[in-house]
Amino acid sequence: DTIVAAEEPEVIELGYVYRSESKSLFENELRNSDAKARKWSNVRDGVQNGNIIDMFLDKTNRKIYIAGHFKHVDNIPIENIAVFDMNTRMWKHVGGGVPQVTSSIAIDEANEDVYIGGIFSKVGKGDGEIKANNIARYSVKENKWTALGEGLNRDCTSLAFDKKRNVLYAAGSFTMSGKSELRYVAIYDLTNNIWKPLEGGTVNAPCRVLMKPEMRDELYLGGLFTHVNEELHVSYIAKYDLEKNTWHSLSGGLQGYCNSLAIDDASESLYVGGTFINAGEGENSVDAHHIAKYNMKTSLWDNMAGGVNNVVHSIYHDTESKMLFIGGSFTNTYENDIVLNYIAKYNPEKNEWSALENYFPNTNPKEPNHTVGLDGGCKGISIDGKSLYIAGKFRNAGNISANSIARYALTRSSL
């Protein structure tokens, strides 16, 4: 399996290193008289210094949770985890914060339980501080942190809550919980409060991302692994059947690491993003630069019009518009050189890429490309109603100051 050496520095599990931000002049969109044309808006003053690694939209309770490496949000001292209430439009800390890096969030929206993973040994502050190894739960209703057993011995990079089974899936670089072996992916039984491995075995290297589709009894996992149980060759991406406890490869997998996953149940399509430059095997292999689509009906890979020119870190499929939104460290499409600037829209039906426009003139005509997208990397994407929320490490979105988190207004009719 071949990994392009030049891309490896772009793939860092935590503390994602973003490219230096170029200086450019922007018109203040909020002062423009044509209010109807506005696309971008900030989420108050955002994250002043640091970066957002993960974001979760709690649509039931209308809240946006962010995790990462930061000390202030909206000029308020908040450490590494924060929540934005969309009703009051205010940022708040979550249980006093976390003194070290947080990198993943999952939420049981019905009970308002917030699960976080990362690299930390404690959570909370003052009387509410507890020891917790790289994973913890915060009850919004009780304003209380709880450790999940003995935690995990190394970083936790991805979490998914399974409402049907009342369990939490965790993935990362960990190999143990206390004295029990848990290699790279594990289940926390929330009913009995115990850690368990997957019954069908496990992967042979760290797992960066896992996804539990709401409509399927399956887990999809991506990362640095190449095999399951040293026998089944999966090549950086795999499927786990939760009913049969069996692992499956996806038609040869990828030729490079997998960082992000999204699914479209209607068309039975799995979207995969990462560092790879190829997907599939043999005569069914396709040149797929950093993003690809896997057809679950035909078991074939598609290269999505050639992909993009650098690493993909986040993918979100909008079931209403049937569009795909992609974020990462890329600046252009791989083919045709369409300027995207770290965030893009992809139309599966037309097999077309496009940028997120702001429809306002740039005050510096020598830098026209800065009128679209972001000026730094994107790590998280989600949609609530007609709003696309984008998080990462950037100062400007479109032509407004945003500080690592921004809202983009979706016009459904134009999608």
Protein backbone atom coordinates (compact mmCIF):
# COMPACT_ATOMS: atom_id res chain seq x y z
CA ASP A 1 0.00 0.00 0.00
CA THR A 2 1.35 3.40 -0.95
CA ILE A 3 1.13 6.60 1.05
CA VAL A 4 2.30 9.84 -0.51
CA ALA A 5 5.12 10.98 1.76
CA ALA A 6 4.51 14.65 1.15
CA GLU A 7 1.01 14.38 2.62
CA GLU A 8 1.88 12.67 5.89
CA PRO A 9 2.58 15.91 7.83
CA GLU A 10 -0.98 17.02 7.02
CA VAL A 11 -2.42 14.03 8.87
CA ILE A 12 -2.14 14.59 12.59
CA GLU A 13 -4.54 12.96 15.02
CA LEU A 14 -4.77 15.86 17.45
CA GLY A 15 -3.67 19.46 17.43
CA TYR A 16 -4.15 19.73 13.68
CA VAL A 17 -1.49 22.04 12.24
CA TYR A 18 -3.03 24.51 9.85
CA ARG A 19 -1.32 26.43 7.10
CA SER A 20 -0.31 30.02 7.79
CA GLU A 21 -3.07 32.44 6.98
CA SER A 22 -2.41 34.86 4.13
CA LYS A 23 -3.24 38.52 4.55
CA SER A 24 -6.07 39.83 2.44
CA LEU A 25 -8.46 42.74 2.46
CA PHE A 26 -12.16 42.12 2.95
CA GLU A 27 -15.27 44.21 2.73
CA ASN A 28 -17.30 44.04 5.94
CA GLU A 29 -20.34 42.06 4.83
CA LEU A 30 -22.37 43.09 7.85
CA ARG A 31 -22.20 46.75 6.73
CA ASN A 32 -23.28 46.07 3.20
CA SER A 33 -26.72 47.43 2.36
CA ASP A 34 -27.82 44.37 0.42
CA ALA A 35 -28.85 42.29 3.43
CA LYS A 36 -30.67 39.72 1.34
CA ALA A 37 -27.43 38.68 -0.37
CA ARG A 38 -25.58 37.92 2.85
CA LYS A 39 -24.38 34.37 3.09
CA TRP A 40 -21.82 34.29 5.90
CA SER A 41 -22.31 35.32 9.52
CA ASN A 42 -20.22 34.82 12.64
CA VAL A 43 -21.19 32.99 15.82
CA ARG A 44 -20.56 35.98 18.07
CA ASP A 45 -16.78 36.45 18.39
CA GLY A 46 -15.80 32.79 18.03
CA VAL A 47 -12.50 31.33 19.25
CA GLN A 48 -9.88 34.06 19.58
CA ASN A 49 -6.81 31.82 19.79
CA GLY A 50 -6.53 28.09 19.26
CA ASN A 51 -8.54 25.75 17.09
CA ILE A 52 -11.71 23.67 17.00
CA ILE A 53 -11.17 19.96 16.38
CA ASP A 54 -14.75 18.69 16.57
CA MET A 55 -18.27 20.12 16.57
CA PHE A 56 -21.67 18.61 17.39
CA LEU A 57 -25.07 20.18 16.74
CA ASP A 58 -27.60 19.15 19.38
CA LYS A 59 -30.66 19.83 17.24
CA THR A 60 -33.11 18.68 19.91
CA ASN A 61 -31.94 21.31 22.39
CA ARG A 62 -30.68 23.82 19.80
CA LYS A 63 -27.09 23.95 20.98
CA ILE A 64 -23.71 23.85 19.26
CA TYR A 65 -20.89 22.09 21.12
CA ILE A 66 -17.26 22.62 20.14
CA ALA A 67 -14.16 20.74 21.31
CA GLY A 68 -10.53 21.54 20.68
CA HIS A 69 -7.57 23.45 21.99
CA PHE A 70 -8.57 26.96 23.10
CA LYS A 71 -8.70 29.19 26.18
CA HIS A 72 -11.25 31.85 25.21
CA VAL A 73 -14.54 31.79 23.32
CA ASP A 74 -16.35 35.07 22.59
CA ASN A 75 -13.70 36.71 24.82
CA ILE A 76 -14.89 34.59 27.77
CA PRO A 77 -12.36 32.32 29.55
CA ILE A 78 -13.45 28.84 28.44
CA GLU A 79 -11.12 25.85 28.27
CA ASN A 80 -11.23 23.37 25.39
CA ILE A 81 -14.99 22.70 25.34
CA ALA A 82 -17.85 25.15 24.95
CA VAL A 83 -21.53 25.34 24.05
CA PHE A 84 -23.47 27.95 22.08
CA ASP A 85 -27.18 28.26 22.89
CA MET A 86 -28.95 29.12 19.62
CA ASN A 87 -31.98 30.41 21.53
CA THR A 88 -30.13 32.91 23.75
CA ARG A 89 -27.23 33.34 21.28
CA MET A 90 -24.73 33.05 24.11
CA TRP A 91 -21.57 30.98 24.60
CA LYS A 92 -21.06 29.13 27.90
CA HIS A 93 -18.52 26.77 29.42
CA VAL A 94 -19.36 23.08 29.86
CA GLY A 95 -18.90 21.95 33.45
CA GLY A 96 -15.98 24.28 34.08
CA GLY A 97 -14.13 23.05 31.01
CA VAL A 98 -11.29 20.59 30.43
CA PRO A 99 -7.67 21.61 31.16
CA GLN A 100 -6.25 19.61 28.26
CA VAL A 101 -7.13 18.92 24.62
CA THR A 102 -10.58 17.62 23.69
CA SER A 103 -10.96 16.14 20.22
CA SER A 104 -14.34 14.42 19.93
CA ILE A 105 -17.95 14.90 21.03
CA ALA A 106 -21.06 12.73 20.98
CA ILE A 107 -24.38 13.57 22.61
CA ASP A 108 -27.36 11.69 23.95
CA GLU A 109 -29.76 14.49 23.04
CA ALA A 110 -32.78 13.06 24.87
CA ASN A 111 -30.97 12.99 28.22
CA GLU A 112 -28.57 15.87 27.48
CA ASP A 113 -25.52 13.79 28.26
CA VAL A 114 -22.36 15.09 26.59
CA TYR A 115 -19.56 12.59 25.91
CA ILE A 116 -16.07 13.88 25.16
CA GLY A 117 -12.80 12.25 24.19
CA GLY A 118 -9.28 13.58 23.84
CA ILE A 119 -6.00 13.69 25.73
CA PHE A 120 -6.71 14.56 29.36
CA SER A 121 -6.46 13.14 32.87
CA LYS A 122 -9.13 15.25 34.55
CA VAL A 123 -12.22 17.32 33.74
CA GLY A 124 -14.11 20.13 35.47
CA LYS A 125 -12.93 22.68 38.00
CA GLY A 126 -12.99 23.24 41.74
CA ASP A 127 -15.43 20.99 43.59
CA GLY A 128 -16.67 19.60 40.28
CA GLU A 129 -13.26 18.37 39.13
CA ILE A 130 -12.81 14.61 38.72
CA LYS A 131 -10.17 12.27 37.36
CA ALA A 132 -11.01 10.93 33.91
CA ASN A 133 -8.64 9.26 31.49
CA ASN A 134 -9.15 10.58 27.96
CA ILE A 135 -12.95 10.13 27.99
CA ALA A 136 -15.76 11.48 30.20
CA ARG A 137 -19.48 12.25 30.42
CA TYR A 138 -21.08 15.55 31.41
CA SER A 139 -24.73 15.68 32.48
CA VAL A 140 -26.22 19.04 31.52
CA LYS A 141 -29.28 18.44 33.73
CA GLU A 142 -27.20 17.52 36.79
CA ASN A 143 -24.25 19.82 36.02
CA LYS A 144 -21.96 16.90 36.83
CA TRP A 145 -18.99 15.09 35.31
CA THR A 146 -18.67 11.30 35.45
CA ALA A 147 -15.72 9.09 34.51
CA LEU A 148 -16.45 6.16 32.20
CA GLY A 149 -14.95 3.30 34.17
CA GLU A 150 -11.16 3.50 34.18
CA GLY A 151 -11.19 5.43 30.93
CA LEU A 152 -8.72 4.81 28.13
CA ASN A 153 -4.92 4.70 28.25
CA ARG A 154 -4.38 6.82 25.13
CA ASP A 155 -6.19 9.43 23.06
CA CYS A 156 -9.81 9.05 21.97
CA THR A 157 -10.40 10.65 18.56
CA SER A 158 -13.97 9.66 17.66
CA LEU A 159 -17.22 8.92 19.51
CA ALA A 160 -20.70 7.79 18.48
CA PHE A 161 -23.79 7.31 20.65
CA ASP A 162 -26.15 4.41 19.84
CA LYS A 163 -29.60 5.23 21.19
CA LYS A 164 -31.06 1.82 20.27
CA ARG A 165 -28.48 -0.15 22.26
CA ASN A 166 -27.72 2.56 24.86
CA VAL A 167 -24.02 2.26 24.25
CA LEU A 168 -21.16 4.58 23.34
CA TYR A 169 -18.64 3.63 20.66
CA ALA A 170 -15.12 5.00 21.03
CA ALA A 171 -12.15 4.97 18.66
CA GLY A 172 -8.57 6.19 18.88
CA SER A 173 -5.02 5.11 19.67
CA PHE A 174 -5.88 3.45 22.99
CA THR A 175 -5.06 -0.18 23.73
CA MET A 176 -6.27 -0.60 27.34
CA SER A 177 -8.90 0.44 29.87
CA GLY A 178 -7.31 -0.14 33.23
CA LYS A 179 -5.98 -3.71 32.98
CA SER A 180 -8.44 -4.76 30.27
CA GLU A 181 -7.31 -4.87 26.65
CA LEU A 182 -9.25 -2.61 24.29
CA ARG A 183 -7.44 -2.10 21.02
CA TYR A 184 -8.32 1.03 19.03
CA VAL A 185 -12.12 0.62 19.13
CA ALA A 186 -14.40 -0.18 22.08
CA ILE A 187 -17.96 -0.14 23.40
CA TYR A 188 -19.05 1.42 26.68
CA ASP A 189 -22.25 -0.20 27.98
CA LEU A 190 -24.15 2.72 29.53
CA THR A 191 -26.69 0.44 31.20
CA ASN A 192 -24.10 -1.65 33.08
CA ASN A 193 -21.28 0.93 33.08
CA ILE A 194 -18.62 -1.39 31.67
CA TRP A 195 -16.17 -1.33 28.76
CA LYS A 196 -16.29 -4.12 26.18
CA PRO A 197 -14.32 -4.94 23.04
CA LEU A 198 -16.09 -5.69 19.77
CA GLU A 199 -16.92 -9.39 19.82
CA GLY A 200 -15.69 -9.93 16.28
CA GLY A 201 -12.14 -8.80 17.03
CA THR A 202 -10.42 -5.55 16.21
CA VAL A 203 -8.20 -3.61 13.82
CA ASN A 204 -4.40 -3.64 13.93
CA ALA A 205 -3.68 0.10 14.24
CA PRO A 206 -5.30 3.34 15.46
CA CYS A 207 -8.81 4.22 14.34
CA ARG A 208 -9.38 7.89 13.51
CA VAL A 209 -13.09 7.96 12.80
CA LEU A 210 -16.15 5.80 13.40
CA MET A 211 -19.73 6.28 12.35
CA LYS A 212 -22.95 4.58 13.42
CA PRO A 213 -25.65 5.26 10.78
CA GLU A 214 -29.02 5.82 12.40
CA MET A 215 -30.84 3.47 10.03
CA ARG A 216 -28.28 0.64 9.97
CA ASP A 217 -27.00 -1.93 12.47
CA GLU A 218 -23.46 -1.29 11.30
CA LEU A 219 -20.34 0.58 12.27
CA TYR A 220 -18.06 2.15 9.68
CA LEU A 221 -14.49 2.79 10.76
CA GLY A 222 -11.53 4.53 9.17
CA GLY A 223 -7.97 5.20 10.22
CA LEU A 224 -4.43 3.93 10.03
CA PHE A 225 -5.22 0.20 10.18
CA THR A 226 -4.74 -2.29 7.35
CA HIS A 227 -6.10 -5.57 8.80
CA VAL A 228 -8.69 -7.00 11.18
CA ASN A 229 -7.49 -9.80 13.46
CA GLU A 230 -4.30 -9.93 11.34
CA GLU A 231 -6.28 -11.94 8.78
CA LEU A 232 -8.82 -9.80 6.92
CA HIS A 233 -7.23 -7.14 4.72
CA VAL A 234 -9.33 -3.96 4.92
CA SER A 235 -6.85 -1.17 4.00
CA TYR A 236 -7.76 1.83 6.14
CA ILE A 237 -11.55 1.45 6.09
CA ALA A 238 -13.89 -1.31 7.31
CA LYS A 239 -17.48 -2.20 8.15
CA TYR A 240 -18.58 -3.99 11.31
CA ASP A 241 -21.96 -5.78 11.47
CA LEU A 242 -23.44 -5.17 14.94
CA GLU A 243 -25.97 -8.01 14.62
CA LYS A 244 -23.60 -10.72 13.39
CA ASN A 245 -20.42 -9.34 15.02
CA THR A 246 -18.54 -9.72 11.76
CA TRP A 247 -16.05 -7.52 9.89
CA HIS A 248 -16.12 -6.73 6.19
CA SER A 249 -13.74 -5.04 3.76
CA LEU A 250 -14.96 -2.46 1.26
CA SER A 251 -13.75 -3.72 -2.12
CA GLY A 252 -10.04 -3.22 -1.53
CA GLY A 253 -10.34 -0.18 0.72
CA LEU A 254 -8.13 2.88 0.27
CA GLN A 255 -4.52 3.61 -0.58
CA GLY A 256 -4.05 6.11 2.24
CA TYR A 257 -5.49 7.05 5.61
CA CYS A 258 -9.18 7.69 6.27
CA ASN A 259 -10.19 10.72 8.39
CA SER A 260 -13.91 11.23 7.80
CA LEU A 261 -17.12 9.41 6.87
CA ALA A 262 -20.66 10.28 5.83
CA ILE A 263 -23.56 8.22 4.51
CA ASP A 264 -26.52 8.77 2.20
CA ASP A 265 -28.99 6.01 3.04
CA ALA A 266 -31.36 6.94 0.20
CA SER A 267 -28.79 6.22 -2.51
CA GLU A 268 -26.87 3.68 -0.39
CA SER A 269 -23.68 5.69 -0.78
CA LEU A 270 -20.79 5.92 1.68
CA TYR A 271 -18.54 8.98 1.39
CA VAL A 272 -14.96 8.72 2.61
CA GLY A 273 -12.33 11.45 3.10
CA GLY A 274 -8.65 11.41 4.05
CA THR A 275 -5.11 11.40 2.66
CA PHE A 276 -5.57 8.66 0.06
CA ILE A 277 -5.01 9.01 -3.68
CA ASN A 278 -6.62 5.76 -4.75
CA ALA A 279 -9.65 3.60 -3.82
CA GLY A 280 -10.56 0.03 -4.68
CA GLU A 281 -8.38 -2.72 -6.09
CA GLY A 282 -7.43 -4.35 -9.37
CA GLU A 283 -9.46 -3.41 -12.41
CA ASN A 284 -11.99 -1.66 -10.18
CA SER A 285 -9.36 0.68 -8.72
CA VAL A 286 -9.97 4.43 -9.25
CA ASP A 287 -7.78 7.51 -8.85
CA ALA A 288 -9.55 9.24 -5.98
CA HIS A 289 -7.79 12.23 -4.50
CA HIS A 290 -8.66 12.56 -0.81
CA ILE A 291 -12.37 11.80 -1.23
CA ALA A 292 -14.38 8.95 -2.76
CA LYS A 293 -17.86 7.45 -2.89
CA TYR A 294 -18.54 3.77 -2.20
CA ASN A 295 -21.71 2.33 -3.75
CA MET A 296 -23.11 -0.20 -1.27
CA LYS A 297 -25.30 -1.85 -3.91
CA THR A 298 -22.62 -2.43 -6.55
CA SER A 299 -19.59 -2.50 -4.19
CA LEU A 300 -17.82 -0.11 -6.57
CA TRP A 301 -15.80 3.03 -5.84
CA ASP A 302 -16.29 6.38 -7.61
CA ASN A 303 -13.68 9.16 -7.69
CA MET A 304 -16.13 12.10 -7.44
CA ALA A 305 -14.86 14.06 -10.44
CA GLY A 306 -11.24 13.66 -9.38
CA GLY A 307 -11.53 14.93 -5.81
CA VAL A 308 -9.53 17.76 -4.23
CA ASN A 309 -5.87 18.76 -3.98
CA ASN A 310 -5.26 18.11 -0.30
CA VAL A 311 -6.50 16.27 2.77
CA VAL A 312 -10.23 16.01 3.62
CA HIS A 313 -11.10 16.22 7.33
CA SER A 314 -14.89 16.50 7.41
CA ILE A 315 -17.87 15.44 5.30
CA TYR A 316 -21.57 16.14 5.83
CA HIS A 317 -24.44 14.86 3.70
CA ASP A 318 -27.56 17.02 3.68
CA THR A 319 -30.56 14.72 3.29
CA GLU A 320 -32.88 17.58 2.28
CA SER A 321 -30.87 19.06 -0.58
CA LYS A 322 -29.01 15.79 -1.29
CA MET A 323 -25.80 17.82 -1.42
CA LEU A 324 -22.48 16.98 0.15
CA PHE A 325 -20.38 19.52 2.05
CA ILE A 326 -16.67 18.85 2.47
CA GLY A 327 -14.00 20.54 4.60
CA GLY A 328 -10.26 20.11 5.00
CA SER A 329 -6.87 21.56 4.09
CA PHE A 330 -7.50 21.63 0.33
CA THR A 331 -7.66 24.83 -1.72
CA ASN A 332 -8.77 23.61 -5.16
CA THR A 333 -10.31 20.66 -6.97
CA TYR A 334 -7.72 18.19 -8.23
CA GLU A 335 -9.07 18.43 -11.76
CA ASN A 336 -10.07 21.73 -13.44
CA ASP A 337 -8.44 23.66 -10.57
CA ILE A 338 -11.69 25.15 -9.22
CA VAL A 339 -10.92 27.42 -6.25
CA LEU A 340 -12.61 26.15 -3.08
CA ASN A 341 -10.53 27.41 -0.13
CA TYR A 342 -10.95 24.68 2.51
CA ILE A 343 -14.74 24.21 2.20
CA ALA A 344 -16.77 22.97 -0.77
CA LYS A 345 -20.12 21.74 -2.01
CA TYR A 346 -20.46 18.64 -4.17
CA ASN A 347 -23.54 17.73 -6.20
CA PRO A 348 -23.71 13.90 -6.46
CA GLU A 349 -26.37 13.95 -9.17
CA LYS A 350 -24.37 16.24 -11.47
CA ASN A 351 -20.93 15.07 -10.24
CA GLU A 352 -19.94 18.72 -9.84
CA TRP A 353 -17.83 20.69 -7.35
CA SER A 354 -18.50 24.30 -6.39
CA ALA A 355 -17.28 26.84 -3.83
CA LEU A 356 -19.32 28.51 -1.10
CA GLU A 357 -19.74 32.01 -2.49
CA ASN A 358 -20.40 35.16 -0.51
CA TYR A 359 -21.62 37.28 -3.46
CA PHE A 360 -19.80 40.40 -2.33
CA PRO A 361 -16.95 42.14 -4.16
CA ASN A 362 -13.45 41.85 -2.73
CA THR A 363 -11.80 45.18 -1.98
CA ASN A 364 -8.50 43.76 -3.23
CA PRO A 365 -8.98 42.89 -6.93
CA LYS A 366 -5.57 41.21 -7.03
CA GLU A 367 -6.85 38.45 -4.75
CA PRO A 368 -10.27 37.48 -6.19
CA ASN A 369 -10.07 33.93 -4.86
CA HIS A 370 -10.52 35.17 -1.32
CA THR A 371 -14.17 35.95 -2.03
CA VAL A 372 -15.02 32.29 -1.48
CA GLY A 373 -14.50 29.76 1.30
CA LEU A 374 -12.23 30.13 4.32
CA ASP A 375 -8.69 31.33 4.93
CA GLY A 376 -7.76 28.27 7.03
CA GLY A 377 -8.55 24.60 7.61
CA CYS A 378 -12.01 23.14 8.26
CA LYS A 379 -12.49 20.32 10.78
CA GLY A 380 -16.24 20.18 11.41
CA ILE A 381 -19.44 20.63 9.38
CA SER A 382 -23.11 20.27 10.30
CA ILE A 383 -26.51 21.58 9.23
CA ASP A 384 -29.50 22.77 11.22
CA GLY A 385 -32.43 23.92 9.11
CA LYS A 386 -31.17 26.42 6.55
CA SER A 387 -27.87 27.00 8.34
CA LEU A 388 -24.56 25.31 7.56
CA TYR A 389 -22.17 25.52 10.52
CA ILE A 390 -18.44 25.26 9.87
CA ALA A 391 -15.61 24.95 12.43
CA GLY A 392 -11.83 24.64 12.32
CA LYS A 393 -8.89 27.03 12.36
CA PHE A 394 -9.63 30.14 10.31
CA ARG A 395 -10.00 33.88 10.83
CA ASN A 396 -12.22 34.80 7.91
CA ALA A 397 -15.16 33.06 6.29
CA GLY A 398 -16.24 34.51 2.98
CA ASN A 399 -15.41 38.14 3.65
CA ILE A 400 -16.31 38.41 7.34
CA SER A 401 -14.27 37.90 10.49
CA ALA A 402 -15.39 34.60 12.03
CA ASN A 403 -12.65 33.18 14.32
CA SER A 404 -12.83 29.43 13.72
CA ILE A 405 -16.62 29.02 13.62
CA ALA A 406 -19.11 30.43 11.14
CA ARG A 407 -22.63 30.08 9.80
CA TYR A 408 -23.41 29.89 6.09
CA ALA A 409 -27.00 30.51 5.00
CA LEU A 410 -28.38 27.86 2.67
CA THR A 411 -30.91 28.85 0.04
CA ARG A 412 -32.76 25.58 -0.42
CA SER A 413 -34.27 26.53 -3.76
CA SER A 414 -30.84 27.22 -5.24
CA LEU A 415 -29.42 23.88 -4.07
